[in-house]
Amino acid sequence: MEISEFQKLLAERLGDKDKQMGASFLMNVLTEEVGELSRAIGKESKAEIGEEIADVLFSTMSIANVFGVAVEPLLVRKYVDRPLSDISRKWTDVSWR
């Protein structure tokens, strides 16, 4: 499944509920999920990390749908179509620069 297909499916299934809950609520959910991902990384639990990444992506897509933002073309433009040096030029603490 493509990212755009996943996003469309979420919009069809949950779009009205996401709009009803609102962007601020969804942002709080995303923040909570990022915290859970951080804790899973600390435990180095591959299964938990995978579950939390899925939750972060789900929450992010819900926010994108509230605002009508198509995520897939932005990901391609920002992270696939550009050289790595452009993507990482503001990262000063990476060892491979």
N, C-alpha and C. Protein backbone atom coordinates (compact mmCIF):
# COMPACT_ATOMS: atom_id res chain seq x y z
N MET A 1 0.84 -1.18 0.00
CA MET A 1 0.00 0.00 0.00
C MET A 1 0.89 1.24 0.00
N GLU A 2 0.57 2.16 -0.83
CA GLU A 2 1.28 3.43 -0.90
C GLU A 2 0.85 4.33 0.27
N ILE A 3 1.71 5.28 0.62
CA ILE A 3 1.38 6.20 1.70
C ILE A 3 0.10 6.96 1.38
N SER A 4 -0.05 7.39 0.14
CA SER A 4 -1.25 8.14 -0.25
C SER A 4 -2.51 7.30 -0.11
N GLU A 5 -2.41 6.01 -0.40
CA GLU A 5 -3.56 5.12 -0.24
C GLU A 5 -3.93 4.98 1.23
N PHE A 6 -2.91 4.81 2.07
CA PHE A 6 -3.14 4.71 3.51
C PHE A 6 -3.80 5.98 4.04
N GLN A 7 -3.29 7.12 3.62
CA GLN A 7 -3.84 8.39 4.07
C GLN A 7 -5.30 8.53 3.63
N LYS A 8 -5.59 8.16 2.40
CA LYS A 8 -6.96 8.24 1.89
C LYS A 8 -7.88 7.30 2.67
N LEU A 9 -7.42 6.11 2.95
CA LEU A 9 -8.22 5.16 3.72
C LEU A 9 -8.54 5.71 5.11
N LEU A 10 -7.55 6.29 5.75
CA LEU A 10 -7.79 6.89 7.07
C LEU A 10 -8.80 8.03 6.97
N ALA A 11 -8.67 8.84 5.94
CA ALA A 11 -9.60 9.96 5.77
C ALA A 11 -11.03 9.46 5.59
N GLU A 12 -11.18 8.40 4.82
CA GLU A 12 -12.51 7.84 4.59
C GLU A 12 -13.09 7.25 5.86
N ARG A 13 -12.26 6.55 6.62
CA ARG A 13 -12.74 5.84 7.81
C ARG A 13 -12.88 6.75 9.03
N LEU A 14 -11.96 7.72 9.18
CA LEU A 14 -11.91 8.48 10.43
C LEU A 14 -11.91 9.99 10.25
N GLY A 15 -11.96 10.45 9.00
CA GLY A 15 -11.83 11.89 8.74
C GLY A 15 -12.81 12.76 9.50
N ASP A 16 -14.07 12.36 9.53
CA ASP A 16 -15.07 13.16 10.24
C ASP A 16 -14.78 13.20 11.73
N LYS A 17 -14.41 12.06 12.31
CA LYS A 17 -14.09 12.01 13.73
C LYS A 17 -12.84 12.83 14.04
N ASP A 18 -11.82 12.74 13.16
CA ASP A 18 -10.61 13.53 13.37
C ASP A 18 -10.91 15.02 13.36
N LYS A 19 -11.74 15.46 12.43
CA LYS A 19 -12.10 16.88 12.37
C LYS A 19 -12.90 17.29 13.60
N GLN A 20 -13.75 16.40 14.06
CA GLN A 20 -14.55 16.67 15.25
C GLN A 20 -13.64 16.81 16.49
N MET A 21 -12.64 15.95 16.60
CA MET A 21 -11.72 16.02 17.74
C MET A 21 -10.83 17.25 17.65
N GLY A 22 -10.43 17.60 16.44
CA GLY A 22 -9.65 18.81 16.22
C GLY A 22 -8.15 18.60 16.25
N ALA A 23 -7.47 19.53 15.63
CA ALA A 23 -6.02 19.44 15.47
C ALA A 23 -5.29 19.49 16.81
N SER A 24 -5.75 20.29 17.74
CA SER A 24 -5.06 20.38 19.04
C SER A 24 -5.10 19.06 19.78
N PHE A 25 -6.26 18.41 19.79
CA PHE A 25 -6.38 17.10 20.42
C PHE A 25 -5.47 16.09 19.73
N LEU A 26 -5.50 16.08 18.40
CA LEU A 26 -4.68 15.14 17.65
C LEU A 26 -3.19 15.40 17.88
N MET A 27 -2.81 16.65 18.04
CA MET A 27 -1.41 16.98 18.33
C MET A 27 -1.03 16.44 19.70
N ASN A 28 -1.93 16.52 20.66
CA ASN A 28 -1.66 15.95 21.98
C ASN A 28 -1.47 14.44 21.89
N VAL A 29 -2.30 13.78 21.08
CA VAL A 29 -2.17 12.34 20.88
C VAL A 29 -0.81 12.03 20.26
N LEU A 30 -0.42 12.79 19.24
CA LEU A 30 0.87 12.57 18.58
C LEU A 30 2.01 12.74 19.58
N THR A 31 1.94 13.76 20.40
CA THR A 31 2.98 14.00 21.40
C THR A 31 3.08 12.82 22.37
N GLU A 32 1.96 12.32 22.79
CA GLU A 32 1.94 11.15 23.68
C GLU A 32 2.56 9.94 22.98
N GLU A 33 2.23 9.74 21.71
CA GLU A 33 2.76 8.60 20.97
C GLU A 33 4.27 8.73 20.77
N VAL A 34 4.77 9.93 20.54
CA VAL A 34 6.21 10.13 20.39
C VAL A 34 6.91 9.80 21.72
N GLY A 35 6.29 10.18 22.83
CA GLY A 35 6.85 9.81 24.14
C GLY A 35 6.90 8.31 24.32
N GLU A 36 5.83 7.62 23.91
CA GLU A 36 5.81 6.16 24.00
C GLU A 36 6.88 5.54 23.10
N LEU A 37 7.10 6.12 21.93
CA LEU A 37 8.16 5.63 21.04
C LEU A 37 9.52 5.82 21.70
N SER A 38 9.72 6.96 22.33
CA SER A 38 10.98 7.22 23.01
C SER A 38 11.24 6.19 24.11
N ARG A 39 10.22 5.87 24.87
CA ARG A 39 10.38 4.86 25.93
C ARG A 39 10.66 3.48 25.33
N ALA A 40 10.00 3.15 24.23
CA ALA A 40 10.25 1.86 23.58
C ALA A 40 11.68 1.78 23.06
N ILE A 41 12.18 2.87 22.51
CA ILE A 41 13.57 2.91 22.05
C ILE A 41 14.52 2.71 23.22
N GLY A 42 14.20 3.32 24.34
CA GLY A 42 15.02 3.15 25.54
C GLY A 42 15.08 1.71 26.00
N LYS A 43 14.02 0.98 25.80
CA LYS A 43 13.97 -0.44 26.18
C LYS A 43 14.57 -1.34 25.09
N GLU A 44 14.81 -0.75 23.92
CA GLU A 44 15.32 -1.48 22.75
C GLU A 44 14.43 -2.68 22.40
N SER A 45 13.14 -2.48 22.53
CA SER A 45 12.17 -3.52 22.20
C SER A 45 11.69 -3.32 20.77
N LYS A 46 12.18 -4.16 19.87
CA LYS A 46 11.84 -4.02 18.46
C LYS A 46 10.33 -4.07 18.24
N ALA A 47 9.64 -4.97 18.92
CA ALA A 47 8.19 -5.09 18.75
C ALA A 47 7.48 -3.82 19.21
N GLU A 48 7.87 -3.30 20.38
CA GLU A 48 7.25 -2.08 20.89
C GLU A 48 7.59 -0.87 20.01
N ILE A 49 8.82 -0.81 19.55
CA ILE A 49 9.23 0.29 18.67
C ILE A 49 8.38 0.29 17.41
N GLY A 50 8.18 -0.87 16.82
CA GLY A 50 7.34 -0.97 15.62
C GLY A 50 5.93 -0.51 15.87
N GLU A 51 5.35 -0.94 16.99
CA GLU A 51 3.97 -0.53 17.34
C GLU A 51 3.88 0.98 17.51
N GLU A 52 4.86 1.55 18.18
CA GLU A 52 4.82 2.99 18.44
C GLU A 52 5.08 3.80 17.17
N ILE A 53 5.93 3.31 16.28
CA ILE A 53 6.12 4.00 15.00
C ILE A 53 4.80 4.01 14.24
N ALA A 54 4.10 2.89 14.25
CA ALA A 54 2.79 2.84 13.58
C ALA A 54 1.83 3.86 14.19
N ASP A 55 1.85 3.98 15.52
CA ASP A 55 0.97 4.95 16.18
C ASP A 55 1.34 6.39 15.82
N VAL A 56 2.64 6.67 15.74
CA VAL A 56 3.10 8.02 15.37
C VAL A 56 2.67 8.34 13.94
N LEU A 57 2.85 7.39 13.02
CA LEU A 57 2.45 7.62 11.64
C LEU A 57 0.94 7.81 11.52
N PHE A 58 0.19 6.99 12.22
CA PHE A 58 -1.27 7.11 12.22
C PHE A 58 -1.70 8.50 12.71
N SER A 59 -1.13 8.93 13.82
CA SER A 59 -1.49 10.24 14.39
C SER A 59 -1.10 11.37 13.44
N THR A 60 0.07 11.24 12.83
CA THR A 60 0.53 12.26 11.89
C THR A 60 -0.39 12.35 10.67
N MET A 61 -0.79 11.22 10.16
CA MET A 61 -1.71 11.20 9.01
C MET A 61 -3.06 11.79 9.37
N SER A 62 -3.52 11.56 10.58
CA SER A 62 -4.79 12.14 11.01
C SER A 62 -4.72 13.67 11.01
N ILE A 63 -3.60 14.20 11.50
CA ILE A 63 -3.42 15.66 11.50
C ILE A 63 -3.35 16.17 10.06
N ALA A 64 -2.62 15.47 9.21
CA ALA A 64 -2.52 15.88 7.80
C ALA A 64 -3.90 15.91 7.16
N ASN A 65 -4.72 14.93 7.47
CA ASN A 65 -6.06 14.88 6.87
C ASN A 65 -6.95 16.02 7.35
N VAL A 66 -6.82 16.41 8.60
CA VAL A 66 -7.61 17.54 9.11
C VAL A 66 -7.31 18.80 8.29
N PHE A 67 -6.06 18.96 7.90
CA PHE A 67 -5.66 20.16 7.16
C PHE A 67 -5.63 19.96 5.64
N GLY A 68 -5.97 18.76 5.18
CA GLY A 68 -5.98 18.50 3.74
C GLY A 68 -4.59 18.48 3.12
N VAL A 69 -3.61 18.02 3.88
CA VAL A 69 -2.23 17.96 3.40
C VAL A 69 -1.94 16.56 2.87
N ALA A 70 -1.53 16.47 1.63
CA ALA A 70 -1.12 15.20 1.03
C ALA A 70 0.34 14.95 1.40
N VAL A 71 0.59 13.96 2.22
CA VAL A 71 1.92 13.73 2.79
C VAL A 71 2.90 13.12 1.79
N GLU A 72 2.45 12.14 1.01
CA GLU A 72 3.38 11.40 0.14
C GLU A 72 4.16 12.30 -0.82
N PRO A 73 3.53 13.21 -1.56
CA PRO A 73 4.33 14.03 -2.47
C PRO A 73 5.33 14.92 -1.74
N LEU A 74 4.99 15.34 -0.53
CA LEU A 74 5.93 16.15 0.25
C LEU A 74 7.13 15.33 0.68
N LEU A 75 6.89 14.10 1.11
CA LEU A 75 8.00 13.22 1.49
C LEU A 75 8.93 12.97 0.31
N VAL A 76 8.35 12.73 -0.84
CA VAL A 76 9.17 12.49 -2.04
C VAL A 76 9.97 13.73 -2.38
N ARG A 77 9.32 14.89 -2.40
CA ARG A 77 10.02 16.13 -2.76
C ARG A 77 11.13 16.47 -1.76
N LYS A 78 10.84 16.29 -0.46
CA LYS A 78 11.81 16.70 0.56
C LYS A 78 12.90 15.67 0.84
N TYR A 79 12.58 14.36 0.68
CA TYR A 79 13.53 13.35 1.14
C TYR A 79 13.96 12.32 0.10
N VAL A 80 13.35 12.32 -1.06
CA VAL A 80 13.75 11.38 -2.10
C VAL A 80 14.40 12.12 -3.26
N ASP A 81 13.81 13.23 -3.67
CA ASP A 81 14.29 13.96 -4.83
C ASP A 81 15.47 14.88 -4.54
N ARG A 82 15.89 14.99 -3.29
CA ARG A 82 17.00 15.88 -2.93
C ARG A 82 18.22 15.05 -2.53
N PRO A 83 19.41 15.58 -2.75
CA PRO A 83 20.61 14.86 -2.30
C PRO A 83 20.69 14.86 -0.77
N LEU A 84 21.32 13.85 -0.24
CA LEU A 84 21.46 13.71 1.20
C LEU A 84 22.12 14.94 1.83
N SER A 85 23.06 15.54 1.14
CA SER A 85 23.74 16.72 1.68
C SER A 85 22.77 17.88 1.89
N ASP A 86 21.77 18.02 1.05
CA ASP A 86 20.76 19.07 1.23
C ASP A 86 19.85 18.75 2.41
N ILE A 87 19.49 17.49 2.54
CA ILE A 87 18.59 17.08 3.62
C ILE A 87 19.26 17.30 4.97
N SER A 88 20.54 17.02 5.06
CA SER A 88 21.23 17.04 6.35
C SER A 88 22.04 18.30 6.60
N ARG A 89 21.93 19.30 5.77
CA ARG A 89 22.83 20.46 5.91
C ARG A 89 22.67 21.19 7.23
N LYS A 90 21.51 21.10 7.88
CA LYS A 90 21.31 21.77 9.17
C LYS A 90 21.62 20.87 10.35
N TRP A 91 21.94 19.61 10.09
CA TRP A 91 22.25 18.67 11.17
C TRP A 91 23.74 18.76 11.46
N THR A 92 24.10 19.34 12.55
CA THR A 92 25.52 19.56 12.85
C THR A 92 26.13 18.42 13.65
N ASP A 93 25.30 17.53 14.19
CA ASP A 93 25.83 16.51 15.09
C ASP A 93 25.81 15.11 14.53
N VAL A 94 25.70 14.97 13.20
CA VAL A 94 25.69 13.63 12.63
C VAL A 94 27.12 13.25 12.24
N SER A 95 27.45 12.00 12.49
CA SER A 95 28.83 11.55 12.28
C SER A 95 29.19 11.37 10.82
N TRP A 96 28.21 11.20 9.94
CA TRP A 96 28.53 10.91 8.54
C TRP A 96 28.59 12.13 7.66
N ARG A 97 28.52 13.31 8.22
CA ARG A 97 28.61 14.53 7.40
C ARG A 97 30.01 14.82 6.99
